[in-house]
Amino acid sequence: MAGLMRVGRVSLEGCNLGVRRVLVRPRRVFSSGNAGDAAAPKTSWWSSAEWWGAAGAVAGWGMSGAAIYDASTKGPEIISLNMTGVMLVYSSLFCRWALVVKPRNLLLSACHATNVVAQLNQMRRALEYKLEKGQDAEVKDIAIKAAATAAAGAGCFMFGPTVQAAVVGANLGPISSVAGAAAGPFTVHFWAPMSKWLISGASFLDLDRPIEKVSIAQYSALTATGFFFTRYALLVKPVNYVLCSVNIALFLSSGYHLTRKINGDYLHIGQ
């Protein structure tokens, strides 16, 4: 008799356990996750890499749009070959960077791919104009520089991983640590912002550029890009201090040209 009572008790407990599982399962299915997940604070726009990345991408699209706009409305004589060449290298690297950074920024990658095409068209227009003017020697010099840049880039792509592995494996202390860093000199996280230093450098070299040759559309986009990316660089993974510093410089240099252009064409302050 006692045995039968024990069997009945076990059966009843089994039934109760089954009922509890049936009742709890729907709650798990419709729940969004753990209780802690629901209480997780929302990220504000100031701390959102996605927000600043999207704003930077929109500014980047402004650069592509500026090149397309200038190609359709302005003559080739205003095109700066120094800036156009730098923009080609810059957009090629950032097209790749936007795909590997965390979080990934597809909008930014697409805008830089578009900018590569737009800048190639600007380069073609400028070179054709110089050839028409009989400036063959200058065109030849530009072609040599372009070939050297392409060869250097191909060499880095082919032999970079091998050199990095050798340096890291040599246990050279800080040198090996830097070589193996997530944003170190063997990664696009380093070279993309370094290419942006070339843009800032080109702007600084052209500080005395006649305002009639300054594109207000292009420099508006560059100034906005510098502003948004200064913050964005501190929110992505890996955090990129080189990118932050170069965008401060870009914001200042491009803003200087933009201010000169607006003052010269519209405000006439001090003239």
C-alpha atoms as a PDB file:
ATOM      1  CA  MET A   1       0.000   0.000   0.000  1.00  0.00           C
ATOM      2  CA  ALA A   2       2.806   2.387   0.953  1.00  0.00           C
ATOM      3  CA  GLY A   3       4.506   1.568  -2.356  1.00  0.00           C
ATOM      4  CA  LEU A   4       1.383   2.464  -4.276  1.00  0.00           C
ATOM      5  CA  MET A   5       1.126   5.769  -2.405  1.00  0.00           C
ATOM      6  CA  ARG A   6       4.744   6.622  -3.259  1.00  0.00           C
ATOM      7  CA  VAL A   7       4.142   5.826  -6.932  1.00  0.00           C
ATOM      8  CA  GLY A   8       1.041   8.027  -6.934  1.00  0.00           C
ATOM      9  CA  ARG A   9       2.917  10.883  -5.274  1.00  0.00           C
ATOM     10  CA  VAL A  10       5.729  10.685  -7.838  1.00  0.00           C
ATOM     11  CA  SER A  11       3.212  10.648 -10.692  1.00  0.00           C
ATOM     12  CA  LEU A  12       1.391  13.644  -9.263  1.00  0.00           C
ATOM     13  CA  GLU A  13       4.627  15.593  -8.868  1.00  0.00           C
ATOM     14  CA  GLY A  14       5.560  14.727 -12.446  1.00  0.00           C
ATOM     15  CA  CYS A  15       2.238  16.043 -13.685  1.00  0.00           C
ATOM     16  CA  ASN A  16       2.664  19.277 -11.715  1.00  0.00           C
ATOM     17  CA  LEU A  17       6.160  19.739 -13.159  1.00  0.00           C
ATOM     18  CA  GLY A  18       4.833  19.211 -16.674  1.00  0.00           C
ATOM     19  CA  VAL A  19       2.056  21.745 -16.114  1.00  0.00           C
ATOM     20  CA  ARG A  20       4.562  24.304 -14.818  1.00  0.00           C
ATOM     21  CA  ARG A  21       6.764  23.806 -17.898  1.00  0.00           C
ATOM     22  CA  VAL A  22       3.781  24.301 -20.219  1.00  0.00           C
ATOM     23  CA  LEU A  23       2.781  27.489 -18.418  1.00  0.00           C
ATOM     24  CA  VAL A  24       6.290  28.940 -18.259  1.00  0.00           C
ATOM     25  CA  ARG A  25       7.307  28.151 -21.859  1.00  0.00           C
ATOM     26  CA  PRO A  26       5.015  30.764 -23.499  1.00  0.00           C
ATOM     27  CA  ARG A  27       6.498  33.423 -21.232  1.00  0.00           C
ATOM     28  CA  ARG A  28       9.965  32.478 -22.448  1.00  0.00           C
ATOM     29  CA  VAL A  29       8.880  32.461 -26.073  1.00  0.00           C
ATOM     30  CA  PHE A  30       7.341  35.918 -25.926  1.00  0.00           C
ATOM     31  CA  SER A  31       9.957  37.386 -23.593  1.00  0.00           C
ATOM     32  CA  SER A  32      12.602  39.639 -25.161  1.00  0.00           C
ATOM     33  CA  GLY A  33      15.333  38.116 -23.012  1.00  0.00           C
ATOM     34  CA  ASN A  34      16.542  38.200 -19.442  1.00  0.00           C
ATOM     35  CA  ALA A  35      15.027  40.512 -16.909  1.00  0.00           C
ATOM     36  CA  GLY A  36      18.229  42.540 -16.921  1.00  0.00           C
ATOM     37  CA  ASP A  37      17.942  43.141 -20.660  1.00  0.00           C
ATOM     38  CA  ALA A  38      14.665  45.009 -20.296  1.00  0.00           C
ATOM     39  CA  ALA A  39      16.245  47.292 -17.714  1.00  0.00           C
ATOM     40  CA  ALA A  40      19.324  48.066 -19.864  1.00  0.00           C
ATOM     41  CA  PRO A  41      19.625  51.828 -20.404  1.00  0.00           C
ATOM     42  CA  LYS A  42      19.214  53.169 -23.906  1.00  0.00           C
ATOM     43  CA  THR A  43      22.244  54.747 -25.562  1.00  0.00           C
ATOM     44  CA  SER A  44      21.867  58.476 -26.124  1.00  0.00           C
ATOM     45  CA  TRP A  45      22.700  60.052 -29.469  1.00  0.00           C
ATOM     46  CA  TRP A  46      25.887  61.490 -27.969  1.00  0.00           C
ATOM     47  CA  SER A  47      27.190  57.988 -27.172  1.00  0.00           C
ATOM     48  CA  SER A  48      25.796  56.271 -30.260  1.00  0.00           C
ATOM     49  CA  ALA A  49      28.391  55.168 -32.809  1.00  0.00           C
ATOM     50  CA  GLU A  50      25.551  54.462 -35.233  1.00  0.00           C
ATOM     51  CA  TRP A  51      24.234  58.049 -35.001  1.00  0.00           C
ATOM     52  CA  TRP A  52      27.601  59.728 -35.510  1.00  0.00           C
ATOM     53  CA  GLY A  53      28.547  57.192 -38.173  1.00  0.00           C
ATOM     54  CA  ALA A  54      25.370  57.948 -40.102  1.00  0.00           C
ATOM     55  CA  ALA A  55      25.971  61.702 -39.797  1.00  0.00           C
ATOM     56  CA  GLY A  56      29.546  61.248 -41.003  1.00  0.00           C
ATOM     57  CA  ALA A  57      28.323  59.128 -43.905  1.00  0.00           C
ATOM     58  CA  VAL A  58      25.836  61.817 -44.935  1.00  0.00           C
ATOM     59  CA  ALA A  59      28.669  64.363 -44.878  1.00  0.00           C
ATOM     60  CA  GLY A  60      30.724  61.909 -46.931  1.00  0.00           C
ATOM     61  CA  TRP A  61      27.936  61.719 -49.473  1.00  0.00           C
ATOM     62  CA  GLY A  62      28.214  65.492 -49.591  1.00  0.00           C
ATOM     63  CA  MET A  63      31.798  65.108 -50.840  1.00  0.00           C
ATOM     64  CA  SER A  64      30.683  62.724 -53.565  1.00  0.00           C
ATOM     65  CA  GLY A  65      27.825  65.044 -54.460  1.00  0.00           C
ATOM     66  CA  ALA A  66      30.209  68.020 -54.538  1.00  0.00           C
ATOM     67  CA  ALA A  67      32.459  66.270 -57.051  1.00  0.00           C
ATOM     68  CA  ILE A  68      29.477  65.338 -59.224  1.00  0.00           C
ATOM     69  CA  TYR A  69      28.035  68.852 -58.942  1.00  0.00           C
ATOM     70  CA  ASP A  70      31.338  70.500 -59.844  1.00  0.00           C
ATOM     71  CA  ALA A  71      31.753  68.158 -62.805  1.00  0.00           C
ATOM     72  CA  SER A  72      28.365  69.176 -64.175  1.00  0.00           C
ATOM     73  CA  THR A  73      28.509  72.941 -63.513  1.00  0.00           C
ATOM     74  CA  LYS A  74      32.153  74.052 -63.234  1.00  0.00           C
ATOM     75  CA  GLY A  75      35.046  74.041 -65.660  1.00  0.00           C
ATOM     76  CA  PRO A  76      38.077  71.754 -65.179  1.00  0.00           C
ATOM     77  CA  GLU A  77      40.355  74.727 -64.456  1.00  0.00           C
ATOM     78  CA  ILE A  78      39.157  74.868 -60.814  1.00  0.00           C
ATOM     79  CA  ILE A  79      40.099  71.238 -60.114  1.00  0.00           C
ATOM     80  CA  SER A  80      43.018  70.789 -57.723  1.00  0.00           C
ATOM     81  CA  LEU A  81      44.961  67.729 -58.881  1.00  0.00           C
ATOM     82  CA  ASN A  82      46.689  67.475 -55.490  1.00  0.00           C
ATOM     83  CA  MET A  83      43.378  67.319 -53.665  1.00  0.00           C
ATOM     84  CA  THR A  84      41.793  64.989 -56.229  1.00  0.00           C
ATOM     85  CA  GLY A  85      44.650  62.486 -55.976  1.00  0.00           C
ATOM     86  CA  VAL A  86      44.530  62.543 -52.202  1.00  0.00           C
ATOM     87  CA  MET A  87      40.758  62.070 -52.248  1.00  0.00           C
ATOM     88  CA  LEU A  88      41.168  58.966 -54.408  1.00  0.00           C
ATOM     89  CA  VAL A  89      43.538  57.329 -51.912  1.00  0.00           C
ATOM     90  CA  TYR A  90      41.455  58.500 -48.963  1.00  0.00           C
ATOM     91  CA  SER A  91      38.137  57.173 -50.242  1.00  0.00           C
ATOM     92  CA  SER A  92      39.646  53.859 -51.339  1.00  0.00           C
ATOM     93  CA  LEU A  93      40.967  53.222 -47.816  1.00  0.00           C
ATOM     94  CA  PHE A  94      37.839  54.411 -46.021  1.00  0.00           C
ATOM     95  CA  CYS A  95      35.645  52.266 -48.269  1.00  0.00           C
ATOM     96  CA  ARG A  96      37.479  49.280 -46.777  1.00  0.00           C
ATOM     97  CA  TRP A  97      37.654  50.712 -43.240  1.00  0.00           C
ATOM     98  CA  ALA A  98      33.892  51.166 -43.045  1.00  0.00           C
ATOM     99  CA  LEU A  99      33.429  47.435 -43.697  1.00  0.00           C
ATOM    100  CA  VAL A 100      35.771  46.189 -40.956  1.00  0.00           C
ATOM    101  CA  VAL A 101      35.141  48.702 -38.168  1.00  0.00           C
ATOM    102  CA  LYS A 102      32.641  47.873 -35.408  1.00  0.00           C
ATOM    103  CA  PRO A 103      29.816  48.666 -35.878  1.00  0.00           C
ATOM    104  CA  ARG A 104      30.020  48.243 -39.645  1.00  0.00           C
ATOM    105  CA  ASN A 105      29.014  51.331 -41.638  1.00  0.00           C
ATOM    106  CA  LEU A 106      27.649  50.264 -45.020  1.00  0.00           C
ATOM    107  CA  LEU A 107      26.333  53.741 -45.835  1.00  0.00           C
ATOM    108  CA  LEU A 108      29.820  55.177 -45.387  1.00  0.00           C
ATOM    109  CA  SER A 109      31.422  52.435 -47.475  1.00  0.00           C
ATOM    110  CA  ALA A 110      28.972  53.042 -50.329  1.00  0.00           C
ATOM    111  CA  CYS A 111      29.567  56.796 -50.252  1.00  0.00           C
ATOM    112  CA  HIS A 112      33.336  56.343 -50.514  1.00  0.00           C
ATOM    113  CA  ALA A 113      32.967  53.886 -53.383  1.00  0.00           C
ATOM    114  CA  THR A 114      30.873  56.521 -55.151  1.00  0.00           C
ATOM    115  CA  ASN A 115      33.448  59.185 -54.350  1.00  0.00           C
ATOM    116  CA  VAL A 116      36.224  57.094 -55.938  1.00  0.00           C
ATOM    117  CA  VAL A 117      34.262  57.050 -59.197  1.00  0.00           C
ATOM    118  CA  ALA A 118      33.462  60.774 -58.952  1.00  0.00           C
ATOM    119  CA  GLN A 119      37.077  61.736 -58.238  1.00  0.00           C
ATOM    120  CA  LEU A 120      38.361  59.582 -61.091  1.00  0.00           C
ATOM    121  CA  ASN A 121      36.079  61.551 -63.394  1.00  0.00           C
ATOM    122  CA  GLN A 122      37.418  64.826 -61.988  1.00  0.00           C
ATOM    123  CA  MET A 123      40.977  63.598 -62.504  1.00  0.00           C
ATOM    124  CA  ARG A 124      40.166  62.704 -66.126  1.00  0.00           C
ATOM    125  CA  ARG A 125      38.695  66.160 -66.783  1.00  0.00           C
ATOM    126  CA  ALA A 126      41.677  67.950 -65.245  1.00  0.00           C
ATOM    127  CA  LEU A 127      44.231  65.904 -67.184  1.00  0.00           C
ATOM    128  CA  GLU A 128      42.406  66.390 -70.482  1.00  0.00           C
ATOM    129  CA  TYR A 129      42.318  70.126 -69.814  1.00  0.00           C
ATOM    130  CA  LYS A 130      46.075  70.243 -69.137  1.00  0.00           C
ATOM    131  CA  LEU A 131      46.809  68.243 -72.275  1.00  0.00           C
ATOM    132  CA  GLU A 132      44.731  70.686 -74.302  1.00  0.00           C
ATOM    133  CA  LYS A 133      46.792  73.517 -72.796  1.00  0.00           C
ATOM    134  CA  GLY A 134      50.040  71.797 -73.781  1.00  0.00           C
ATOM    135  CA  GLN A 135      51.080  70.948 -70.223  1.00  0.00           C
ATOM    136  CA  ASP A 136      52.323  67.471 -71.159  1.00  0.00           C
ATOM    137  CA  ALA A 137      55.262  67.507 -68.731  1.00  0.00           C
ATOM    138  CA  GLU A 138      52.969  68.101 -65.751  1.00  0.00           C
ATOM    139  CA  VAL A 139      50.639  65.313 -66.856  1.00  0.00           C
ATOM    140  CA  LYS A 140      53.591  62.928 -67.199  1.00  0.00           C
ATOM    141  CA  ASP A 141      54.782  63.822 -63.698  1.00  0.00           C
ATOM    142  CA  ILE A 142      51.317  63.108 -62.295  1.00  0.00           C
ATOM    143  CA  ALA A 143      51.197  59.746 -64.066  1.00  0.00           C
ATOM    144  CA  ILE A 144      54.549  58.739 -62.551  1.00  0.00           C
ATOM    145  CA  LYS A 145      53.369  59.679 -59.048  1.00  0.00           C
ATOM    146  CA  ALA A 146      50.137  57.735 -59.544  1.00  0.00           C
ATOM    147  CA  ALA A 147      52.015  54.632 -60.693  1.00  0.00           C
ATOM    148  CA  ALA A 148      54.375  54.825 -57.694  1.00  0.00           C
ATOM    149  CA  THR A 149      51.429  55.170 -55.300  1.00  0.00           C
ATOM    150  CA  ALA A 150      49.650  52.186 -56.842  1.00  0.00           C
ATOM    151  CA  ALA A 151      52.820  50.062 -56.677  1.00  0.00           C
ATOM    152  CA  ALA A 152      53.376  50.955 -53.004  1.00  0.00           C
ATOM    153  CA  GLY A 153      49.777  50.090 -52.166  1.00  0.00           C
ATOM    154  CA  ALA A 154      49.986  46.736 -53.928  1.00  0.00           C
ATOM    155  CA  GLY A 155      53.236  45.928 -52.121  1.00  0.00           C
ATOM    156  CA  CYS A 156      51.713  46.702 -48.721  1.00  0.00           C
ATOM    157  CA  PHE A 157      48.703  44.546 -49.495  1.00  0.00           C
ATOM    158  CA  MET A 158      50.786  41.574 -50.635  1.00  0.00           C
ATOM    159  CA  PHE A 159      53.635  41.588 -48.115  1.00  0.00           C
ATOM    160  CA  GLY A 160      52.107  43.409 -45.130  1.00  0.00           C
ATOM    161  CA  PRO A 161      50.757  40.322 -43.303  1.00  0.00           C
ATOM    162  CA  THR A 162      54.099  38.501 -43.670  1.00  0.00           C
ATOM    163  CA  VAL A 163      56.095  41.438 -42.317  1.00  0.00           C
ATOM    164  CA  GLN A 164      53.623  41.921 -39.456  1.00  0.00           C
ATOM    165  CA  ALA A 165      53.862  38.258 -38.408  1.00  0.00           C
ATOM    166  CA  ALA A 166      57.652  38.464 -38.460  1.00  0.00           C
ATOM    167  CA  VAL A 167      57.777  41.634 -36.340  1.00  0.00           C
ATOM    168  CA  VAL A 168      55.241  40.350 -33.807  1.00  0.00           C
ATOM    169  CA  GLY A 169      56.966  36.967 -33.567  1.00  0.00           C
ATOM    170  CA  ALA A 170      60.366  38.580 -32.992  1.00  0.00           C
ATOM    171  CA  ASN A 171      59.321  39.708 -29.479  1.00  0.00           C
ATOM    172  CA  LEU A 172      60.773  43.189 -29.846  1.00  0.00           C
ATOM    173  CA  GLY A 173      58.879  44.627 -26.902  1.00  0.00           C
ATOM    174  CA  PRO A 174      56.927  47.811 -27.658  1.00  0.00           C
ATOM    175  CA  ILE A 175      57.674  47.507 -31.388  1.00  0.00           C
ATOM    176  CA  SER A 176      56.025  44.079 -31.539  1.00  0.00           C
ATOM    177  CA  SER A 177      53.123  45.334 -29.424  1.00  0.00           C
ATOM    178  CA  VAL A 178      52.495  48.249 -31.778  1.00  0.00           C
ATOM    179  CA  ALA A 179      52.808  45.994 -34.827  1.00  0.00           C
ATOM    180  CA  GLY A 180      50.183  43.627 -33.429  1.00  0.00           C
ATOM    181  CA  ALA A 181      47.780  46.318 -32.200  1.00  0.00           C
ATOM    182  CA  ALA A 182      44.177  46.270 -33.428  1.00  0.00           C
ATOM    183  CA  ALA A 183      44.622  49.760 -34.927  1.00  0.00           C
ATOM    184  CA  GLY A 184      48.344  49.431 -35.588  1.00  0.00           C
ATOM    185  CA  PRO A 185      50.377  50.306 -38.704  1.00  0.00           C
ATOM    186  CA  PHE A 186      49.588  46.990 -40.393  1.00  0.00           C
ATOM    187  CA  THR A 187      45.840  47.654 -40.429  1.00  0.00           C
ATOM    188  CA  VAL A 188      43.466  49.837 -42.408  1.00  0.00           C
ATOM    189  CA  HIS A 189      42.454  51.387 -39.050  1.00  0.00           C
ATOM    190  CA  PHE A 190      45.821  53.171 -39.132  1.00  0.00           C
ATOM    191  CA  TRP A 191      46.232  53.991 -42.819  1.00  0.00           C
ATOM    192  CA  ALA A 192      42.701  55.267 -43.435  1.00  0.00           C
ATOM    193  CA  PRO A 193      43.109  58.187 -40.994  1.00  0.00           C
ATOM    194  CA  MET A 194      46.678  58.709 -42.198  1.00  0.00           C
ATOM    195  CA  SER A 195      45.298  59.280 -45.695  1.00  0.00           C
ATOM    196  CA  LYS A 196      43.001  61.868 -44.186  1.00  0.00           C
ATOM    197  CA  TRP A 197      46.081  63.670 -42.903  1.00  0.00           C
ATOM    198  CA  LEU A 198      46.993  64.090 -46.581  1.00  0.00           C
ATOM    199  CA  ILE A 199      43.691  65.923 -47.131  1.00  0.00           C
ATOM    200  CA  SER A 200      44.415  68.219 -44.211  1.00  0.00           C
ATOM    201  CA  GLY A 201      47.952  68.688 -45.498  1.00  0.00           C
ATOM    202  CA  ALA A 202      46.674  69.529 -48.973  1.00  0.00           C
ATOM    203  CA  SER A 203      44.338  72.100 -47.430  1.00  0.00           C
ATOM    204  CA  PHE A 204      47.181  73.653 -45.436  1.00  0.00           C
ATOM    205  CA  LEU A 205      49.437  73.746 -48.514  1.00  0.00           C
ATOM    206  CA  ASP A 206      46.693  75.565 -50.423  1.00  0.00           C
ATOM    207  CA  LEU A 207      46.000  78.199 -47.759  1.00  0.00           C
ATOM    208  CA  ASP A 208      46.625  80.942 -50.319  1.00  0.00           C
ATOM    209  CA  ARG A 209      44.530  79.270 -53.018  1.00  0.00           C
ATOM    210  CA  PRO A 210      42.502  81.917 -54.903  1.00  0.00           C
ATOM    211  CA  ILE A 211      38.933  81.865 -53.636  1.00  0.00           C
ATOM    212  CA  GLU A 212      37.545  81.582 -57.169  1.00  0.00           C
ATOM    213  CA  LYS A 213      39.162  78.147 -57.291  1.00  0.00           C
ATOM    214  CA  VAL A 214      37.706  77.038 -53.950  1.00  0.00           C
ATOM    215  CA  SER A 215      34.656  74.785 -54.285  1.00  0.00           C
ATOM    216  CA  ILE A 216      32.127  75.800 -51.657  1.00  0.00           C
ATOM    217  CA  ALA A 217      30.303  72.473 -52.019  1.00  0.00           C
ATOM    218  CA  GLN A 218      33.452  70.393 -51.540  1.00  0.00           C
ATOM    219  CA  TYR A 219      34.788  72.350 -48.579  1.00  0.00           C
ATOM    220  CA  SER A 220      31.378  72.437 -46.879  1.00  0.00           C
ATOM    221  CA  ALA A 221      31.336  68.636 -47.039  1.00  0.00           C
ATOM    222  CA  LEU A 222      34.933  68.371 -45.791  1.00  0.00           C
ATOM    223  CA  THR A 223      34.233  70.702 -42.861  1.00  0.00           C
ATOM    224  CA  ALA A 224      31.147  68.711 -41.853  1.00  0.00           C
ATOM    225  CA  THR A 225      33.058  65.459 -42.193  1.00  0.00           C
ATOM    226  CA  GLY A 226      35.774  66.721 -39.868  1.00  0.00           C
ATOM    227  CA  PHE A 227      33.178  67.743 -37.283  1.00  0.00           C
ATOM    228  CA  PHE A 228      31.233  64.471 -37.213  1.00  0.00           C
ATOM    229  CA  PHE A 229      34.214  62.118 -37.418  1.00  0.00           C
ATOM    230  CA  THR A 230      35.974  63.787 -34.482  1.00  0.00           C
ATOM    231  CA  ARG A 231      33.332  62.271 -32.206  1.00  0.00           C
ATOM    232  CA  TYR A 232      32.701  59.105 -34.241  1.00  0.00           C
ATOM    233  CA  ALA A 233      36.355  58.036 -33.961  1.00  0.00           C
ATOM    234  CA  LEU A 234      36.017  57.755 -30.171  1.00  0.00           C
ATOM    235  CA  LEU A 235      32.933  55.520 -30.310  1.00  0.00           C
ATOM    236  CA  VAL A 236      33.956  52.823 -32.810  1.00  0.00           C
ATOM    237  CA  LYS A 237      35.883  49.651 -32.044  1.00  0.00           C
ATOM    238  CA  PRO A 238      38.819  49.802 -32.049  1.00  0.00           C
ATOM    239  CA  VAL A 239      38.844  53.371 -30.735  1.00  0.00           C
ATOM    240  CA  ASN A 240      40.865  55.442 -33.192  1.00  0.00           C
ATOM    241  CA  TYR A 241      42.698  58.433 -31.727  1.00  0.00           C
ATOM    242  CA  VAL A 242      44.596  59.040 -34.966  1.00  0.00           C
ATOM    243  CA  LEU A 243      41.268  59.407 -36.759  1.00  0.00           C
ATOM    244  CA  CYS A 244      40.027  61.796 -34.071  1.00  0.00           C
ATOM    245  CA  SER A 245      43.082  64.067 -34.282  1.00  0.00           C
ATOM    246  CA  VAL A 246      43.120  64.237 -38.065  1.00  0.00           C
ATOM    247  CA  ASN A 247      39.471  65.227 -38.185  1.00  0.00           C
ATOM    248  CA  ILE A 248      40.130  68.099 -35.805  1.00  0.00           C
ATOM    249  CA  ALA A 249      42.795  69.298 -38.248  1.00  0.00           C
ATOM    250  CA  LEU A 250      40.490  68.717 -41.238  1.00  0.00           C
ATOM    251  CA  PHE A 251      37.683  70.674 -39.613  1.00  0.00           C
ATOM    252  CA  LEU A 252      39.998  73.631 -38.965  1.00  0.00           C
ATOM    253  CA  SER A 253      41.740  73.685 -42.377  1.00  0.00           C
ATOM    254  CA  SER A 254      38.613  73.118 -44.463  1.00  0.00           C
ATOM    255  CA  GLY A 255      36.638  75.534 -42.309  1.00  0.00           C
ATOM    256  CA  TYR A 256      39.292  78.164 -43.011  1.00  0.00           C
ATOM    257  CA  HIS A 257      38.917  77.771 -46.782  1.00  0.00           C
ATOM    258  CA  LEU A 258      35.125  77.713 -46.485  1.00  0.00           C
ATOM    259  CA  THR A 259      35.138  80.913 -44.432  1.00  0.00           C
ATOM    260  CA  ARG A 260      37.371  82.642 -47.010  1.00  0.00           C
ATOM    261  CA  LYS A 261      35.060  81.553 -49.813  1.00  0.00           C
ATOM    262  CA  ILE A 262      31.864  82.709 -48.091  1.00  0.00           C
ATOM    263  CA  ASN A 263      33.431  86.003 -47.086  1.00  0.00           C
ATOM    264  CA  GLY A 264      34.862  86.645 -50.539  1.00  0.00           C
ATOM    265  CA  ASP A 265      31.663  85.809 -52.427  1.00  0.00           C
ATOM    266  CA  TYR A 266      28.936  87.018 -50.064  1.00  0.00           C
ATOM    267  CA  LEU A 267      30.020  88.927 -46.948  1.00  0.00           C
ATOM    268  CA  HIS A 268      33.016  91.020 -48.133  1.00  0.00           C
ATOM    269  CA  ILE A 269      34.140  91.657 -44.560  1.00  0.00           C
ATOM    270  CA  GLY A 270      37.490  93.479 -44.410  1.00  0.00           C
ATOM    271  CA  GLN A 271      37.638  93.968 -48.170  1.00  0.00           C
END
